[in-house]
Amino acid sequence: MDSFELNKIIGAILLTALLVIGLGKFTDFLFHVDKPEQSAYKIEGLEAVDVKLSSQANIAEEKVDIGQLLAMGDLMHGEKVFKKCGACHMLAAGAPNLIGPNLWGVIGRQSGSYPDYKYSKALVAHAKKWSYEEMNSFLIKPQSYIKGTKMAFAGLRKEKDRASVILYLNSKSDSPLPKP
């Protein structure tokens, strides 16, 4: 088989892919359907359940006793759970930033203040110190707690996971905060 035959085969494959993609885009344009503003099927009481659940979640967040929460955590478990965070964050003194900032000494530090990292405007405007309580609230669901943050992590739902990560983060500092 010579190179001309190979070029014809590759060209045919690329042309087929281009036609399939183009046809899909054309049919999306041709058969565009506007979604209705209101659902056609109403489920009675659904809005009331959503409001009730969100208000219960807010009450639960406000009533967190950080001392009891941190008592659930352990450093070894925190190190394991932090591996999820390690894809975007370094945790070593003087280490460079990755997708996210280096988290060495983050507990007790001002939010949005690590040098040489471009934070979202929302995180800079947050302007609070990362206390145990702040970090707990943030780690539940970062994008809900600080709307507009660049952090795309879904959060840590389990209390033990959050408590362990917070303890682990606190241990990685030149001056760790005392436990409450």
Protein backbone atom coordinates (compact mmCIF):
# COMPACT_ATOMS: atom_id res chain seq x y z
CA MET A 1 0.00 0.00 0.00
CA ASP A 2 1.50 3.32 -1.00
CA SER A 3 1.19 6.65 0.80
CA PHE A 4 -1.45 7.92 -1.68
CA GLU A 5 -3.81 5.09 -0.66
CA LEU A 6 -3.25 5.89 3.00
CA ASN A 7 -3.99 9.58 2.35
CA LYS A 8 -7.28 8.64 0.63
CA ILE A 9 -8.32 6.45 3.59
CA ILE A 10 -7.52 9.16 6.16
CA GLY A 11 -9.26 11.77 4.01
CA ALA A 12 -12.38 9.59 3.77
CA ILE A 13 -12.46 9.12 7.57
CA LEU A 14 -12.04 12.86 8.20
CA LEU A 15 -14.71 13.72 5.60
CA THR A 16 -17.13 11.26 7.22
CA ALA A 17 -16.49 12.72 10.69
CA LEU A 18 -16.96 16.24 9.34
CA LEU A 19 -20.24 15.29 7.66
CA VAL A 20 -21.58 13.62 10.82
CA ILE A 21 -20.68 16.63 12.99
CA GLY A 22 -21.99 19.11 10.40
CA LEU A 23 -25.22 17.17 9.96
CA GLY A 24 -25.73 17.13 13.73
CA LYS A 25 -25.22 20.90 13.96
CA PHE A 26 -27.53 21.50 10.99
CA THR A 27 -30.32 19.38 12.47
CA ASP A 28 -29.93 21.15 15.84
CA PHE A 29 -30.42 24.45 14.02
CA LEU A 30 -33.25 23.14 11.82
CA PHE A 31 -35.22 21.51 14.65
CA HIS A 32 -34.48 23.96 17.48
CA VAL A 33 -36.99 23.62 20.31
CA ASP A 34 -37.45 26.36 22.90
CA LYS A 35 -37.85 24.98 26.40
CA PRO A 36 -40.96 26.20 28.22
CA GLU A 37 -40.52 28.52 31.18
CA GLN A 38 -42.87 26.46 33.35
CA SER A 39 -43.05 22.71 33.63
CA ALA A 40 -46.03 21.10 31.95
CA TYR A 41 -46.45 18.75 34.90
CA LYS A 42 -46.98 20.30 38.30
CA ILE A 43 -46.19 18.28 41.39
CA GLU A 44 -48.07 19.66 44.35
CA GLY A 45 -45.96 20.51 47.40
CA LEU A 46 -42.58 20.15 45.67
CA GLU A 47 -41.67 23.81 46.16
CA ALA A 48 -42.54 23.58 49.85
CA VAL A 49 -40.25 20.55 50.27
CA ASP A 50 -37.35 22.36 48.54
CA VAL A 51 -37.75 25.41 50.78
CA LYS A 52 -38.02 23.23 53.89
CA LEU A 53 -34.88 21.22 52.98
CA SER A 54 -32.80 24.31 52.21
CA SER A 55 -33.85 26.01 55.45
CA GLN A 56 -32.99 22.84 57.42
CA ALA A 57 -29.56 22.76 55.75
CA ASN A 58 -28.93 26.40 56.69
CA ILE A 59 -29.97 25.77 60.29
CA ALA A 60 -27.71 22.70 60.43
CA GLU A 61 -24.77 24.74 59.12
CA GLU A 62 -25.31 27.46 61.70
CA LYS A 63 -25.54 25.02 64.63
CA VAL A 64 -22.27 23.18 63.91
CA ASP A 65 -20.17 22.88 67.05
CA ILE A 66 -16.70 22.99 65.52
CA GLY A 67 -15.12 21.34 68.58
CA GLN A 68 -17.41 18.31 68.27
CA LEU A 69 -16.92 18.23 64.50
CA LEU A 70 -13.13 18.26 64.77
CA ALA A 71 -13.30 15.50 67.40
CA MET A 72 -14.65 13.23 64.62
CA GLY A 73 -11.60 13.78 62.43
CA ASP A 74 -8.21 12.16 62.33
CA LEU A 75 -5.00 13.14 60.56
CA MET A 76 -4.46 9.82 58.74
CA HIS A 77 -7.97 9.92 57.31
CA GLY A 78 -7.48 13.58 56.39
CA GLU A 79 -4.33 12.71 54.45
CA LYS A 80 -6.28 10.07 52.47
CA VAL A 81 -9.21 12.39 51.75
CA PHE A 82 -6.83 15.24 50.80
CA LYS A 83 -5.61 13.16 47.84
CA LYS A 84 -8.76 14.38 46.05
CA CYS A 85 -7.53 17.94 46.61
CA GLY A 86 -3.98 17.07 45.56
CA ALA A 87 -4.95 17.11 41.89
CA CYS A 88 -5.24 20.92 42.08
CA HIS A 89 -3.43 21.98 45.28
CA MET A 90 0.10 21.56 46.64
CA LEU A 91 0.59 21.29 50.38
CA ALA A 92 4.22 22.07 51.10
CA ALA A 93 6.11 25.11 52.32
CA GLY A 94 7.29 27.19 49.37
CA ALA A 95 5.76 24.82 46.79
CA PRO A 96 4.40 26.32 43.57
CA ASN A 97 0.73 26.85 42.83
CA LEU A 98 -1.03 24.36 40.59
CA ILE A 99 -4.55 24.86 39.24
CA GLY A 100 -5.38 26.00 42.77
CA PRO A 101 -3.13 27.80 45.26
CA ASN A 102 -0.67 26.09 47.58
CA LEU A 103 -2.53 25.32 50.81
CA TRP A 104 0.47 25.34 53.18
CA GLY A 105 -0.63 27.33 56.23
CA VAL A 106 -4.13 27.99 54.86
CA ILE A 107 -5.90 27.64 58.23
CA GLY A 108 -5.55 31.06 59.85
CA ARG A 109 -4.61 32.82 56.58
CA GLN A 110 -6.70 35.53 54.88
CA SER A 111 -8.81 34.16 52.00
CA GLY A 112 -7.50 35.03 48.56
CA SER A 113 -4.07 36.07 49.82
CA TYR A 114 -1.52 33.44 48.77
CA PRO A 115 1.18 35.17 46.67
CA ASP A 116 1.46 34.67 42.91
CA TYR A 117 -2.00 33.13 42.52
CA LYS A 118 -4.83 34.78 40.59
CA TYR A 119 -7.92 34.24 42.76
CA SER A 120 -11.49 34.80 41.62
CA LYS A 121 -12.92 38.20 42.52
CA ALA A 122 -15.47 36.45 44.75
CA LEU A 123 -12.81 34.79 46.89
CA VAL A 124 -10.79 37.99 47.22
CA ALA A 125 -13.97 39.88 48.18
CA HIS A 126 -14.78 37.19 50.77
CA ALA A 127 -11.91 38.69 52.83
CA LYS A 128 -12.19 36.45 55.87
CA LYS A 129 -9.60 34.37 57.66
CA TRP A 130 -9.78 30.63 57.07
CA SER A 131 -10.86 29.62 60.55
CA TYR A 132 -12.05 26.11 61.35
CA GLU A 133 -15.67 27.26 60.93
CA GLU A 134 -15.02 29.07 57.64
CA MET A 135 -13.17 26.10 56.17
CA ASN A 136 -15.93 23.72 57.27
CA SER A 137 -18.63 25.84 55.65
CA PHE A 138 -16.57 26.23 52.47
CA LEU A 139 -15.76 22.54 52.13
CA ILE A 140 -19.42 21.49 52.34
CA LYS A 141 -20.06 23.00 48.90
CA PRO A 142 -17.54 25.67 47.81
CA GLN A 143 -19.57 27.17 44.96
CA SER A 144 -22.62 27.66 47.17
CA TYR A 145 -20.68 29.16 50.06
CA ILE A 146 -18.71 31.65 47.95
CA LYS A 147 -20.69 32.28 44.81
CA GLY A 148 -18.34 32.99 41.90
CA THR A 149 -15.36 31.01 43.17
CA LYS A 150 -13.27 29.27 40.50
CA MET A 151 -13.06 26.13 42.60
CA ALA A 152 -15.05 23.48 40.77
CA PHE A 153 -14.87 20.85 43.54
CA ALA A 154 -18.29 19.48 44.54
CA GLY A 155 -17.49 19.48 48.24
CA LEU A 156 -17.18 17.04 51.11
CA ARG A 157 -20.58 15.95 52.43
CA LYS A 158 -19.37 13.64 55.20
CA GLU A 159 -18.58 15.40 58.47
CA LYS A 160 -15.71 13.03 59.27
CA ASP A 161 -14.09 13.75 55.88
CA ARG A 162 -14.36 17.52 56.39
CA ALA A 163 -13.12 17.38 59.97
CA SER A 164 -10.19 15.18 58.98
CA VAL A 165 -9.18 17.40 56.05
CA ILE A 166 -9.40 20.51 58.23
CA LEU A 167 -7.18 18.91 60.88
CA TYR A 168 -4.75 17.75 58.19
CA LEU A 169 -4.62 21.23 56.62
CA ASN A 170 -4.03 22.79 60.03
CA SER A 171 -1.14 20.39 60.70
CA LYS A 172 0.55 21.58 57.48
CA SER A 173 1.61 24.98 58.71
CA ASP A 174 4.53 26.76 60.32
CA SER A 175 2.16 27.81 63.12
CA PRO A 176 -0.91 25.56 63.38
CA LEU A 177 -3.95 26.95 65.19
CA PRO A 178 -4.86 25.36 68.54
CA LYS A 179 -7.93 23.13 68.50
CA PRO A 180 -11.06 24.79 69.88
